[in-house]
Amino acid sequence: MRILLDACVPRKLRYELTIHSAWTARERGWNRLPDGPLLDVIAGEIDVLVTVDRSLRFQQRLTVRPFAVIVLRAKSNELGALRPLVPALLQALADVKPGEVREITESD
């Protein structure tokens, strides 16, 4: 699975996703793109966008996109706060479908 970590996600989270191909927006040169153009550019390039941007699903039409979006919800976007969500993230990556938006919270 090809995963893109949004610019607001710590780059070291990719090391928790070793069974997948994961890149950061910065590595791909997409970290300065606004949300709409970013979503257009990644279509066909990635399978899942992982973000902490809680408002993305309300600002963009994601259900028509050829990739899934997983929103991580923790106390902060620091690696230490996101790391406990990794098991649920890996489980979601196993069955998430294009156009689907899932939120993973600390209680999942």
N, C-alpha and C. Protein backbone atom coordinates (compact mmCIF):
# COMPACT_ATOMS: atom_id res chain seq x y z
N MET A 1 0.85 -1.17 0.00
CA MET A 1 0.00 0.00 0.00
C MET A 1 0.90 1.24 0.00
N ARG A 2 0.53 2.23 -0.79
CA ARG A 2 1.28 3.48 -0.88
C ARG A 2 0.61 4.52 0.03
N ILE A 3 1.36 4.98 1.01
CA ILE A 3 0.81 5.88 2.03
C ILE A 3 1.55 7.20 1.99
N LEU A 4 0.79 8.29 2.08
CA LEU A 4 1.39 9.62 2.20
C LEU A 4 1.04 10.17 3.57
N LEU A 5 2.07 10.59 4.30
CA LEU A 5 1.87 11.28 5.57
C LEU A 5 1.79 12.76 5.27
N ASP A 6 0.68 13.37 5.60
CA ASP A 6 0.47 14.80 5.38
C ASP A 6 1.56 15.60 6.09
N ALA A 7 1.74 16.84 5.67
CA ALA A 7 2.80 17.69 6.23
C ALA A 7 2.65 17.89 7.74
N CYS A 8 1.45 17.75 8.26
CA CYS A 8 1.22 17.96 9.69
C CYS A 8 1.48 16.71 10.53
N VAL A 9 1.87 15.62 9.90
CA VAL A 9 2.15 14.37 10.60
C VAL A 9 3.67 14.23 10.74
N PRO A 10 4.16 13.88 11.92
CA PRO A 10 5.61 13.74 12.10
C PRO A 10 6.20 12.70 11.13
N ARG A 11 7.29 13.06 10.50
CA ARG A 11 7.88 12.18 9.48
C ARG A 11 8.33 10.84 10.05
N LYS A 12 8.69 10.80 11.32
CA LYS A 12 9.16 9.55 11.92
C LYS A 12 8.04 8.52 12.09
N LEU A 13 6.80 8.93 11.93
CA LEU A 13 5.70 7.96 12.00
C LEU A 13 5.82 6.94 10.88
N ARG A 14 6.46 7.30 9.78
CA ARG A 14 6.59 6.36 8.66
C ARG A 14 7.36 5.10 9.07
N TYR A 15 8.23 5.20 10.06
CA TYR A 15 8.99 4.03 10.51
C TYR A 15 8.12 3.03 11.25
N GLU A 16 6.92 3.45 11.61
CA GLU A 16 5.96 2.54 12.26
C GLU A 16 5.15 1.77 11.20
N LEU A 17 5.31 2.15 9.94
CA LEU A 17 4.51 1.58 8.84
C LEU A 17 5.39 0.78 7.90
N THR A 18 6.31 0.01 8.44
CA THR A 18 7.34 -0.64 7.63
C THR A 18 6.82 -1.68 6.65
N ILE A 19 5.62 -2.20 6.87
CA ILE A 19 5.10 -3.19 5.92
C ILE A 19 4.46 -2.53 4.70
N HIS A 20 4.44 -1.21 4.69
CA HIS A 20 3.88 -0.45 3.57
C HIS A 20 4.94 0.48 3.00
N SER A 21 4.66 1.03 1.83
CA SER A 21 5.51 2.07 1.27
C SER A 21 4.94 3.41 1.73
N ALA A 22 5.69 4.12 2.53
CA ALA A 22 5.20 5.38 3.09
C ALA A 22 6.18 6.50 2.82
N TRP A 23 5.62 7.65 2.45
CA TRP A 23 6.40 8.86 2.20
C TRP A 23 5.77 10.02 2.96
N THR A 24 6.56 11.03 3.18
CA THR A 24 6.02 12.26 3.75
C THR A 24 5.75 13.23 2.61
N ALA A 25 4.86 14.17 2.86
CA ALA A 25 4.58 15.20 1.86
C ALA A 25 5.85 15.97 1.53
N ARG A 26 6.68 16.21 2.51
CA ARG A 26 7.94 16.92 2.29
C ARG A 26 8.86 16.15 1.35
N GLU A 27 8.98 14.84 1.56
CA GLU A 27 9.83 14.01 0.70
C GLU A 27 9.38 14.06 -0.76
N ARG A 28 8.09 14.14 -0.96
CA ARG A 28 7.55 14.16 -2.33
C ARG A 28 7.50 15.58 -2.90
N GLY A 29 7.83 16.58 -2.08
CA GLY A 29 7.80 17.96 -2.55
C GLY A 29 6.41 18.56 -2.56
N TRP A 30 5.50 17.97 -1.81
CA TRP A 30 4.10 18.41 -1.79
C TRP A 30 3.72 19.13 -0.51
N ASN A 31 4.67 19.38 0.37
CA ASN A 31 4.35 19.93 1.69
C ASN A 31 3.85 21.37 1.66
N ARG A 32 4.06 22.09 0.62
CA ARG A 32 3.60 23.48 0.56
C ARG A 32 2.32 23.66 -0.24
N LEU A 33 1.78 22.57 -0.76
CA LEU A 33 0.54 22.66 -1.53
C LEU A 33 -0.66 22.82 -0.61
N PRO A 34 -1.59 23.70 -0.96
CA PRO A 34 -2.86 23.76 -0.21
C PRO A 34 -3.61 22.44 -0.38
N ASP A 35 -4.58 22.19 0.47
CA ASP A 35 -5.28 20.91 0.48
C ASP A 35 -5.84 20.49 -0.87
N GLY A 36 -6.59 21.35 -1.53
CA GLY A 36 -7.21 20.99 -2.81
C GLY A 36 -6.19 20.54 -3.86
N PRO A 37 -5.19 21.37 -4.16
CA PRO A 37 -4.17 20.94 -5.11
C PRO A 37 -3.40 19.70 -4.66
N LEU A 38 -3.16 19.55 -3.37
CA LEU A 38 -2.48 18.36 -2.87
C LEU A 38 -3.31 17.12 -3.19
N LEU A 39 -4.60 17.17 -2.92
CA LEU A 39 -5.46 16.02 -3.19
C LEU A 39 -5.50 15.70 -4.68
N ASP A 40 -5.45 16.70 -5.53
CA ASP A 40 -5.41 16.46 -6.98
C ASP A 40 -4.12 15.79 -7.39
N VAL A 41 -3.00 16.24 -6.84
CA VAL A 41 -1.68 15.71 -7.20
C VAL A 41 -1.52 14.26 -6.76
N ILE A 42 -2.02 13.93 -5.59
CA ILE A 42 -1.78 12.58 -5.07
C ILE A 42 -2.72 11.53 -5.67
N ALA A 43 -3.78 11.96 -6.34
CA ALA A 43 -4.70 11.01 -6.97
C ALA A 43 -3.93 10.15 -7.97
N GLY A 44 -4.01 8.85 -7.81
CA GLY A 44 -3.30 7.93 -8.67
C GLY A 44 -1.87 7.64 -8.23
N GLU A 45 -1.37 8.43 -7.30
CA GLU A 45 -0.01 8.24 -6.79
C GLU A 45 0.04 7.48 -5.47
N ILE A 46 -1.01 7.64 -4.67
CA ILE A 46 -1.03 7.01 -3.36
C ILE A 46 -2.37 6.32 -3.13
N ASP A 47 -2.39 5.44 -2.15
CA ASP A 47 -3.62 4.72 -1.80
C ASP A 47 -4.31 5.30 -0.57
N VAL A 48 -3.50 5.85 0.36
CA VAL A 48 -4.05 6.38 1.61
C VAL A 48 -3.28 7.63 2.01
N LEU A 49 -4.03 8.66 2.37
CA LEU A 49 -3.46 9.88 2.96
C LEU A 49 -3.71 9.80 4.46
N VAL A 50 -2.64 9.91 5.24
CA VAL A 50 -2.76 9.92 6.70
C VAL A 50 -2.51 11.35 7.15
N THR A 51 -3.44 11.89 7.92
CA THR A 51 -3.37 13.29 8.34
C THR A 51 -3.86 13.43 9.78
N VAL A 52 -3.59 14.58 10.36
CA VAL A 52 -4.19 14.93 11.65
C VAL A 52 -5.14 16.12 11.46
N ASP A 53 -5.36 16.51 10.23
CA ASP A 53 -6.22 17.65 9.89
C ASP A 53 -7.68 17.23 10.05
N ARG A 54 -8.28 17.60 11.17
CA ARG A 54 -9.66 17.20 11.48
C ARG A 54 -10.69 17.86 10.58
N SER A 55 -10.36 18.99 10.00
CA SER A 55 -11.34 19.72 9.18
C SER A 55 -11.30 19.33 7.71
N LEU A 56 -10.32 18.56 7.29
CA LEU A 56 -10.17 18.22 5.87
C LEU A 56 -11.44 17.61 5.31
N ARG A 57 -12.06 16.71 6.03
CA ARG A 57 -13.26 16.02 5.53
C ARG A 57 -14.44 16.98 5.33
N PHE A 58 -14.42 18.12 6.01
CA PHE A 58 -15.51 19.08 5.87
C PHE A 58 -15.20 20.14 4.82
N GLN A 59 -13.95 20.28 4.47
CA GLN A 59 -13.53 21.31 3.51
C GLN A 59 -13.35 20.77 2.10
N GLN A 60 -13.20 19.47 1.95
CA GLN A 60 -12.93 18.87 0.65
C GLN A 60 -13.88 17.69 0.42
N ARG A 61 -14.18 17.45 -0.85
CA ARG A 61 -14.99 16.28 -1.20
C ARG A 61 -14.06 15.08 -1.32
N LEU A 62 -14.01 14.27 -0.29
CA LEU A 62 -13.07 13.15 -0.25
C LEU A 62 -13.66 11.85 -0.76
N THR A 63 -14.97 11.71 -0.72
CA THR A 63 -15.60 10.45 -1.10
C THR A 63 -15.47 10.15 -2.59
N VAL A 64 -15.14 11.16 -3.41
CA VAL A 64 -14.98 10.94 -4.85
C VAL A 64 -13.51 10.73 -5.23
N ARG A 65 -12.63 10.75 -4.27
CA ARG A 65 -11.20 10.61 -4.55
C ARG A 65 -10.81 9.14 -4.69
N PRO A 66 -9.80 8.84 -5.50
CA PRO A 66 -9.38 7.45 -5.71
C PRO A 66 -8.43 6.93 -4.62
N PHE A 67 -8.47 7.54 -3.47
CA PHE A 67 -7.65 7.11 -2.33
C PHE A 67 -8.46 7.30 -1.07
N ALA A 68 -8.02 6.65 -0.01
CA ALA A 68 -8.68 6.78 1.30
C ALA A 68 -7.95 7.83 2.12
N VAL A 69 -8.63 8.33 3.14
CA VAL A 69 -8.04 9.28 4.07
C VAL A 69 -8.25 8.73 5.48
N ILE A 70 -7.17 8.71 6.24
CA ILE A 70 -7.26 8.32 7.65
C ILE A 70 -6.81 9.51 8.49
N VAL A 71 -7.69 9.93 9.38
CA VAL A 71 -7.43 11.07 10.25
C VAL A 71 -7.07 10.53 11.64
N LEU A 72 -5.89 10.89 12.10
CA LEU A 72 -5.45 10.50 13.44
C LEU A 72 -5.83 11.61 14.42
N ARG A 73 -6.52 11.26 15.48
CA ARG A 73 -6.95 12.25 16.47
C ARG A 73 -6.33 11.91 17.82
N ALA A 74 -5.39 12.75 18.22
CA ALA A 74 -4.71 12.58 19.51
C ALA A 74 -4.62 13.95 20.18
N LYS A 75 -4.03 13.99 21.35
CA LYS A 75 -3.90 15.25 22.09
C LYS A 75 -3.03 16.26 21.35
N SER A 76 -2.09 15.75 20.55
CA SER A 76 -1.24 16.63 19.74
C SER A 76 -0.80 15.85 18.51
N ASN A 77 -0.08 16.51 17.64
CA ASN A 77 0.43 15.81 16.47
C ASN A 77 1.90 15.40 16.65
N GLU A 78 2.35 15.34 17.90
CA GLU A 78 3.69 14.87 18.19
C GLU A 78 3.73 13.35 18.11
N LEU A 79 4.89 12.83 17.75
CA LEU A 79 5.04 11.39 17.57
C LEU A 79 4.61 10.60 18.81
N GLY A 80 5.00 11.07 19.98
CA GLY A 80 4.63 10.36 21.20
C GLY A 80 3.13 10.25 21.41
N ALA A 81 2.40 11.25 20.99
CA ALA A 81 0.94 11.23 21.12
C ALA A 81 0.29 10.35 20.06
N LEU A 82 0.92 10.26 18.88
CA LEU A 82 0.35 9.49 17.78
C LEU A 82 0.72 8.01 17.82
N ARG A 83 1.85 7.69 18.41
CA ARG A 83 2.34 6.31 18.42
C ARG A 83 1.32 5.32 18.99
N PRO A 84 0.56 5.63 20.05
CA PRO A 84 -0.44 4.67 20.54
C PRO A 84 -1.55 4.37 19.53
N LEU A 85 -1.71 5.21 18.51
CA LEU A 85 -2.74 4.99 17.50
C LEU A 85 -2.28 4.05 16.39
N VAL A 86 -1.00 3.72 16.37
CA VAL A 86 -0.44 2.92 15.27
C VAL A 86 -1.12 1.56 15.11
N PRO A 87 -1.37 0.79 16.16
CA PRO A 87 -2.06 -0.49 15.93
C PRO A 87 -3.40 -0.33 15.22
N ALA A 88 -4.20 0.66 15.62
CA ALA A 88 -5.48 0.90 14.95
C ALA A 88 -5.26 1.41 13.53
N LEU A 89 -4.22 2.19 13.32
CA LEU A 89 -3.89 2.67 11.98
C LEU A 89 -3.54 1.49 11.08
N LEU A 90 -2.71 0.59 11.54
CA LEU A 90 -2.33 -0.57 10.74
C LEU A 90 -3.55 -1.44 10.42
N GLN A 91 -4.44 -1.57 11.37
CA GLN A 91 -5.67 -2.34 11.13
C GLN A 91 -6.54 -1.64 10.08
N ALA A 92 -6.65 -0.33 10.17
CA ALA A 92 -7.44 0.42 9.19
C ALA A 92 -6.83 0.32 7.80
N LEU A 93 -5.52 0.36 7.71
CA LEU A 93 -4.85 0.26 6.42
C LEU A 93 -5.14 -1.07 5.73
N ALA A 94 -5.43 -2.10 6.50
CA ALA A 94 -5.68 -3.42 5.94
C ALA A 94 -6.99 -3.50 5.16
N ASP A 95 -7.95 -2.63 5.47
CA ASP A 95 -9.24 -2.77 4.79
C ASP A 95 -9.91 -1.47 4.36
N VAL A 96 -9.21 -0.36 4.46
CA VAL A 96 -9.80 0.91 4.03
C VAL A 96 -9.94 0.92 2.50
N LYS A 97 -10.98 1.57 2.02
CA LYS A 97 -11.31 1.60 0.58
C LYS A 97 -11.16 3.02 0.02
N PRO A 98 -10.89 3.13 -1.27
CA PRO A 98 -10.82 4.47 -1.89
C PRO A 98 -12.12 5.25 -1.64
N GLY A 99 -11.96 6.53 -1.35
CA GLY A 99 -13.11 7.39 -1.08
C GLY A 99 -13.59 7.35 0.36
N GLU A 100 -13.04 6.45 1.13
CA GLU A 100 -13.44 6.31 2.52
C GLU A 100 -12.61 7.24 3.40
N VAL A 101 -13.24 7.80 4.42
CA VAL A 101 -12.56 8.61 5.42
C VAL A 101 -12.78 7.95 6.77
N ARG A 102 -11.68 7.64 7.45
CA ARG A 102 -11.78 7.04 8.79
C ARG A 102 -11.05 7.92 9.78
N GLU A 103 -11.61 7.99 10.96
CA GLU A 103 -10.94 8.68 12.07
C GLU A 103 -10.50 7.64 13.08
N ILE A 104 -9.29 7.79 13.55
CA ILE A 104 -8.76 6.93 14.59
C ILE A 104 -8.48 7.82 15.80
N THR A 105 -9.09 7.48 16.90
CA THR A 105 -8.94 8.27 18.11
C THR A 105 -8.24 7.44 19.19
N GLU A 106 -7.89 8.09 20.25
CA GLU A 106 -7.20 7.42 21.36
C GLU A 106 -8.04 6.29 21.96
N SER A 107 -9.34 6.35 21.84
CA SER A 107 -10.20 5.32 22.42
C SER A 107 -10.39 4.13 21.50
N ASP A 108 -9.90 4.19 20.27
CA ASP A 108 -10.06 3.06 19.32
C ASP A 108 -9.16 1.90 19.65
